[in-house]
Protein backbone atom coordinates (compact mmCIF):
# COMPACT_ATOMS: atom_id res chain seq x y z
CA UNK A 1 39.57 -15.52 -97.38
CA UNK A 2 36.44 -17.25 -98.56
CA UNK A 3 35.33 -20.41 -96.80
CA UNK A 4 34.62 -23.40 -98.96
CA UNK A 5 31.82 -25.76 -98.29
CA UNK A 6 34.35 -28.18 -96.90
CA UNK A 7 35.63 -25.60 -94.39
CA UNK A 8 32.11 -24.90 -93.20
CA UNK A 9 31.46 -28.59 -92.79
CA UNK A 10 34.67 -29.01 -90.75
CA UNK A 11 33.65 -26.14 -88.40
CA UNK A 12 30.24 -27.67 -87.85
CA UNK A 13 31.86 -30.98 -87.05
CA UNK A 14 34.23 -29.37 -84.53
CA UNK A 15 31.31 -27.59 -82.90
CA UNK A 16 29.37 -30.84 -82.64
CA UNK A 17 32.41 -32.56 -81.13
CA UNK A 18 32.75 -29.83 -78.50
CA UNK A 19 29.08 -30.08 -77.56
CA UNK A 20 29.40 -33.83 -77.30
CA UNK A 21 32.40 -33.48 -74.97
CA UNK A 22 30.45 -30.99 -72.83
CA UNK A 23 27.49 -33.32 -72.59
CA UNK A 24 29.79 -36.17 -71.61
CA UNK A 25 31.21 -34.21 -68.63
CA UNK A 26 29.80 -34.94 -65.14
CA UNK A 27 26.92 -32.65 -64.23
CA UNK A 28 28.82 -30.73 -61.56
CA UNK A 29 31.86 -30.18 -63.83
CA UNK A 30 29.87 -28.35 -66.43
CA UNK A 31 30.50 -24.53 -66.25
CA UNK A 32 26.84 -23.52 -66.45
CA UNK A 33 25.79 -25.82 -63.67
CA UNK A 34 27.30 -23.72 -60.90
CA UNK A 35 25.68 -20.56 -62.21
CA UNK A 36 22.36 -22.32 -61.56
CA UNK A 37 23.24 -24.18 -58.35
CA UNK A 38 25.01 -21.41 -56.42
CA UNK A 39 22.02 -19.02 -56.26
CA UNK A 40 19.80 -21.97 -55.38
CA UNK A 41 22.13 -23.06 -52.58
CA UNK A 42 22.33 -19.50 -51.26
CA UNK A 43 18.56 -19.28 -51.28
CA UNK A 44 18.22 -22.59 -49.45
CA UNK A 45 20.87 -21.59 -46.89
CA UNK A 46 19.14 -18.27 -46.30
CA UNK A 47 15.79 -19.99 -45.83
CA UNK A 48 17.33 -22.48 -43.42
CA UNK A 49 18.92 -19.65 -41.43
CA UNK A 50 15.64 -17.77 -41.29
CA UNK A 51 13.87 -20.93 -40.22
CA UNK A 52 16.48 -21.51 -37.51
CA UNK A 53 16.18 -17.91 -36.32
CA UNK A 54 12.41 -18.20 -36.30
CA UNK A 55 12.58 -21.39 -34.23
CA UNK A 56 15.01 -19.72 -31.83
CA UNK A 57 12.73 -16.71 -31.45
CA UNK A 58 9.73 -18.98 -30.95
CA UNK A 59 11.61 -21.04 -28.38
CA UNK A 60 12.57 -17.87 -26.49
CA UNK A 61 8.98 -16.64 -26.67
CA UNK A 62 7.69 -19.98 -25.36
CA UNK A 63 10.23 -19.90 -22.53
CA UNK A 64 9.29 -16.33 -21.64
CA UNK A 65 5.60 -17.26 -21.68
CA UNK A 66 6.29 -20.22 -19.42
CA UNK A 67 8.23 -18.01 -17.02
CA UNK A 68 5.45 -15.43 -17.04
CA UNK A 69 2.88 -18.10 -16.28
CA UNK A 70 5.02 -19.41 -13.40
CA UNK A 71 5.47 -15.88 -12.06
CA UNK A 72 1.72 -15.31 -12.26
CA UNK A 73 1.07 -18.56 -10.42
CA UNK A 74 3.59 -17.59 -7.73
CA UNK A 75 2.06 -14.11 -7.47
CA UNK A 76 -1.42 -15.63 -7.14
CA UNK A 77 -0.24 -17.99 -4.40
CA UNK A 78 1.55 -15.15 -2.61
CA UNK A 79 -1.54 -12.95 -2.89
CA UNK A 80 -3.74 -15.71 -1.49
CA UNK A 81 -1.26 -16.33 1.30
CA UNK A 82 -1.10 -12.63 2.13
CA UNK A 83 -4.89 -12.47 2.07
CA UNK A 84 -5.10 -15.28 4.61
CA UNK A 85 -2.38 -13.67 6.73
CA UNK A 86 -4.16 -10.30 6.61
CA UNK A 87 -7.43 -11.85 7.74
CA UNK A 88 -5.60 -13.51 10.61
CA UNK A 89 -3.88 -10.24 11.55
CA UNK A 90 -7.17 -8.33 11.35
CA UNK A 91 -8.76 -10.95 13.57
CA UNK A 92 -5.92 -10.65 16.09
CA UNK A 93 -6.15 -6.85 16.01
CA UNK A 94 -9.89 -6.97 16.62
CA UNK A 95 -9.38 -9.42 19.48
CA UNK A 96 -6.60 -7.32 21.01
CA UNK A 97 -8.67 -4.15 20.68
CA UNK A 98 -11.61 -5.76 22.46
CA UNK A 99 -9.34 -7.02 25.22
CA UNK A 100 -7.81 -3.56 25.65
CA UNK A 101 -11.25 -1.97 25.86
CA UNK A 102 -12.18 -4.60 28.43
CA UNK A 103 -9.14 -3.69 30.51
CA UNK A 104 -10.02 0.00 30.15
CA UNK A 105 -13.60 -0.64 31.33
CA UNK A 106 -12.38 -2.70 34.27
CA UNK A 107 -9.90 0.01 35.26
CA UNK A 108 -12.57 2.68 34.98
CA UNK A 109 -14.88 0.61 37.18
CA UNK A 110 -12.13 0.11 39.73
CA UNK A 111 -11.48 3.87 39.71
CA UNK A 112 -15.10 4.50 40.66
CA UNK A 113 -14.95 1.93 43.46
CA UNK A 114 -11.79 3.48 44.85
CA UNK A 115 -13.39 6.93 44.73
CA UNK A 116 -16.42 5.63 46.65
CA UNK A 117 -14.17 3.94 49.18
CA UNK A 118 -12.13 7.10 49.69
CA UNK A 119 -15.26 9.18 50.19
CA UNK A 120 -16.36 6.86 53.01
CA UNK A 121 -13.08 7.17 54.89
CA UNK A 122 -12.95 9.60 57.78
CA UNK A 123 -10.75 12.65 57.47
CA UNK A 124 -8.42 11.16 60.05
CA UNK A 125 -7.58 8.20 57.84
CA UNK A 126 -4.77 10.05 56.14
CA UNK A 127 -2.63 7.02 55.38
CA UNK A 128 -5.57 5.11 53.89
CA UNK A 129 -6.56 8.08 51.76
CA UNK A 130 -2.99 8.38 50.50
CA UNK A 131 -2.91 4.69 49.63
CA UNK A 132 -6.18 4.98 47.73
CA UNK A 133 -4.88 8.05 45.89
CA UNK A 134 -1.83 6.11 44.75
CA UNK A 135 -4.02 3.24 43.62
CA UNK A 136 -6.27 5.61 41.75
CA UNK A 137 -3.30 7.10 39.90
CA UNK A 138 -2.14 3.66 38.91
CA UNK A 139 -5.62 2.66 37.79
CA UNK A 140 -5.96 5.85 35.73
CA UNK A 141 -2.59 5.16 34.10
CA UNK A 142 -3.70 1.59 33.31
CA UNK A 143 -6.98 2.84 31.84
CA UNK A 144 -5.19 5.39 29.68
CA UNK A 145 -2.62 2.82 28.56
CA UNK A 146 -5.38 0.46 27.43
CA UNK A 147 -7.40 3.24 25.81
CA UNK A 148 -4.43 4.65 23.90
CA UNK A 149 -3.18 1.22 22.85
CA UNK A 150 -6.61 0.40 21.41
CA UNK A 151 -6.68 3.75 19.59
CA UNK A 152 -3.15 3.38 18.22
CA UNK A 153 -3.22 -0.32 17.34
CA UNK A 154 -4.79 0.07 13.91
CA UNK A 155 -4.21 3.73 13.17
CA UNK A 156 -1.59 5.40 10.98
CA UNK A 157 -2.10 8.87 12.46
CA UNK A 158 -0.31 10.54 15.38
CA UNK A 159 -0.18 8.29 18.43
CA UNK A 160 -1.52 8.89 21.90
CA UNK A 161 0.95 8.54 24.75
CA UNK A 162 0.65 8.00 28.48
CA UNK A 163 2.30 10.89 30.29
CA UNK A 164 2.86 11.08 34.02
CA UNK A 165 3.59 14.78 33.84
CA UNK A 166 0.83 17.30 33.15
CA UNK A 167 1.45 20.43 31.11
CA UNK A 168 -1.83 22.39 31.10
CA UNK A 169 -0.33 25.39 29.30
CA UNK A 170 0.89 23.29 26.36
CA UNK A 171 -2.34 21.29 26.34
CA UNK A 172 -4.41 24.48 26.15
CA UNK A 173 -2.21 25.86 23.35
CA UNK A 174 -2.55 22.68 21.30
CA UNK A 175 -6.28 22.52 21.97
CA UNK A 176 -6.76 26.05 20.61
CA UNK A 177 -4.61 25.19 17.57
CA UNK A 178 -6.86 22.18 17.00
CA UNK A 179 -10.01 24.30 17.13
CA UNK A 180 -8.48 26.84 14.73
CA UNK A 181 -7.52 24.09 12.29
CA UNK A 182 -10.99 22.56 12.59
CA UNK A 183 -12.67 25.86 11.70
CA UNK A 184 -10.47 26.11 8.59
CA UNK A 185 -11.15 22.54 7.44
CA UNK A 186 -7.56 21.46 8.19
CA UNK A 187 -8.63 18.09 9.54
CA UNK A 188 -5.19 16.46 9.61
CA UNK A 189 -3.75 19.44 11.48
CA UNK A 190 -6.67 19.38 13.90
CA UNK A 191 -6.12 15.67 14.63
CA UNK A 192 -2.42 16.28 15.30
CA UNK A 193 -3.11 19.28 17.57
CA UNK A 194 -5.78 17.55 19.65
CA UNK A 195 -3.55 14.45 19.97
CA UNK A 196 -0.67 16.62 21.17
CA UNK A 197 -2.99 18.32 23.66
CA UNK A 198 -3.99 14.91 25.04
CA UNK A 199 -0.36 13.82 25.23
CA UNK A 200 0.63 16.99 27.07
CA UNK A 201 -2.07 16.39 29.68
CA UNK A 202 -3.79 13.00 29.64
CA UNK A 203 -7.53 13.54 29.87
CA UNK A 204 -7.39 17.23 29.01
CA UNK A 205 -10.91 18.46 28.22
CA UNK A 206 -12.23 16.69 25.10
CA UNK A 207 -8.93 16.45 23.22
CA UNK A 208 -8.95 12.66 22.99
CA UNK A 209 -12.59 12.46 21.86
CA UNK A 210 -12.12 15.23 19.28
CA UNK A 211 -8.99 13.57 17.83
CA UNK A 212 -10.78 10.22 17.58
CA UNK A 213 -13.89 11.71 15.96
CA UNK A 214 -11.77 13.53 13.37
CA UNK A 215 -9.74 10.40 12.64
CA UNK A 216 -12.94 8.58 11.81
CA UNK A 217 -13.94 11.43 9.52
CA UNK A 218 -10.60 11.12 7.73
CA UNK A 219 -11.60 7.63 6.57
CA UNK A 220 -14.40 8.98 4.39
CA UNK A 221 -14.97 11.94 2.11
CA UNK A 222 -18.74 11.67 2.15
CA UNK A 223 -20.21 15.20 2.60
CA UNK A 224 -23.19 13.89 4.57
CA UNK A 225 -20.89 12.02 6.97
CA UNK A 226 -18.78 15.13 7.36
CA UNK A 227 -21.79 17.27 8.30
CA UNK A 228 -22.95 14.65 10.79
CA UNK A 229 -19.50 14.57 12.37
CA UNK A 230 -19.52 18.37 12.75
CA UNK A 231 -23.00 18.22 14.34
CA UNK A 232 -21.76 15.56 16.78
CA UNK A 233 -18.79 17.72 17.76
CA UNK A 234 -21.06 20.73 18.27
CA UNK A 235 -23.44 18.71 20.45
CA UNK A 236 -20.95 16.74 22.56
CA UNK A 237 -17.65 18.60 22.61
CA UNK A 238 -18.49 22.31 22.57
CA UNK A 239 -17.76 23.01 26.22
CA UNK A 240 -14.29 24.43 25.59
CA UNK A 241 -14.85 25.57 22.02
CA UNK A 242 -14.32 29.28 21.24
CA UNK A 243 -17.50 31.06 20.04
CA UNK A 244 -15.98 31.89 16.65
CA UNK A 245 -15.23 28.23 16.06
CA UNK A 246 -18.74 27.23 17.08
CA UNK A 247 -20.20 29.71 14.61
CA UNK A 248 -17.90 28.51 11.81
CA UNK A 249 -18.86 24.89 12.46
CA UNK A 250 -22.55 25.73 12.64
CA UNK A 251 -22.29 27.33 9.20
CA UNK A 252 -20.58 24.18 7.85
CA UNK A 253 -23.22 21.91 9.35
CA UNK A 254 -26.09 23.62 7.52
């Protein structure tokens, strides 16, 4: 069916009326509005969420940083406090060591006096000699107690012990084990063996001196210091050293 000019005019009028009605609607009631607003709102909401998450992360990071700073401050204070305490302990250890050596020296001096006194007594003074012998034993025990305490007080190695009993067989065995270990550069084993020899028989040969000299060597790895230590042992403590050990040490000291 062909449209007349009048029909076309009517259609145009209807179209214009519809557009006018659309324009007269409130902005939010227009169908196309929401197609524009919804993506915008979603974008804004997403940005707000990301911003909130970012602030939360930043707040957590700030809190963690603050905690770390507090922990560091506490650690620094604890370290300083421990440093002060260590200095005080070191000072007390030094003082105690000096006092123990003083007691040892006094006991050694008293031992000499008692020996002189005993030598002046006549053979008939049996009771007096016996009394002096008992005193000498007590003085020797006191000297050893002070000497060992000073040696053990700041040392992580095997400890010296005062022993009333004397076991020369065990002391000799441990002494020989110490020499064997020394010739094979087993310093820790040598220290242990000489210490055990001294503990089996307080004052046995040079066990105490050898153990102490080797303990000092254990505090340094300097080759020159090691050679000097070996030379000192060869010069001072070779009286009971087997010939093979002496030769081995002489080779190491070259």
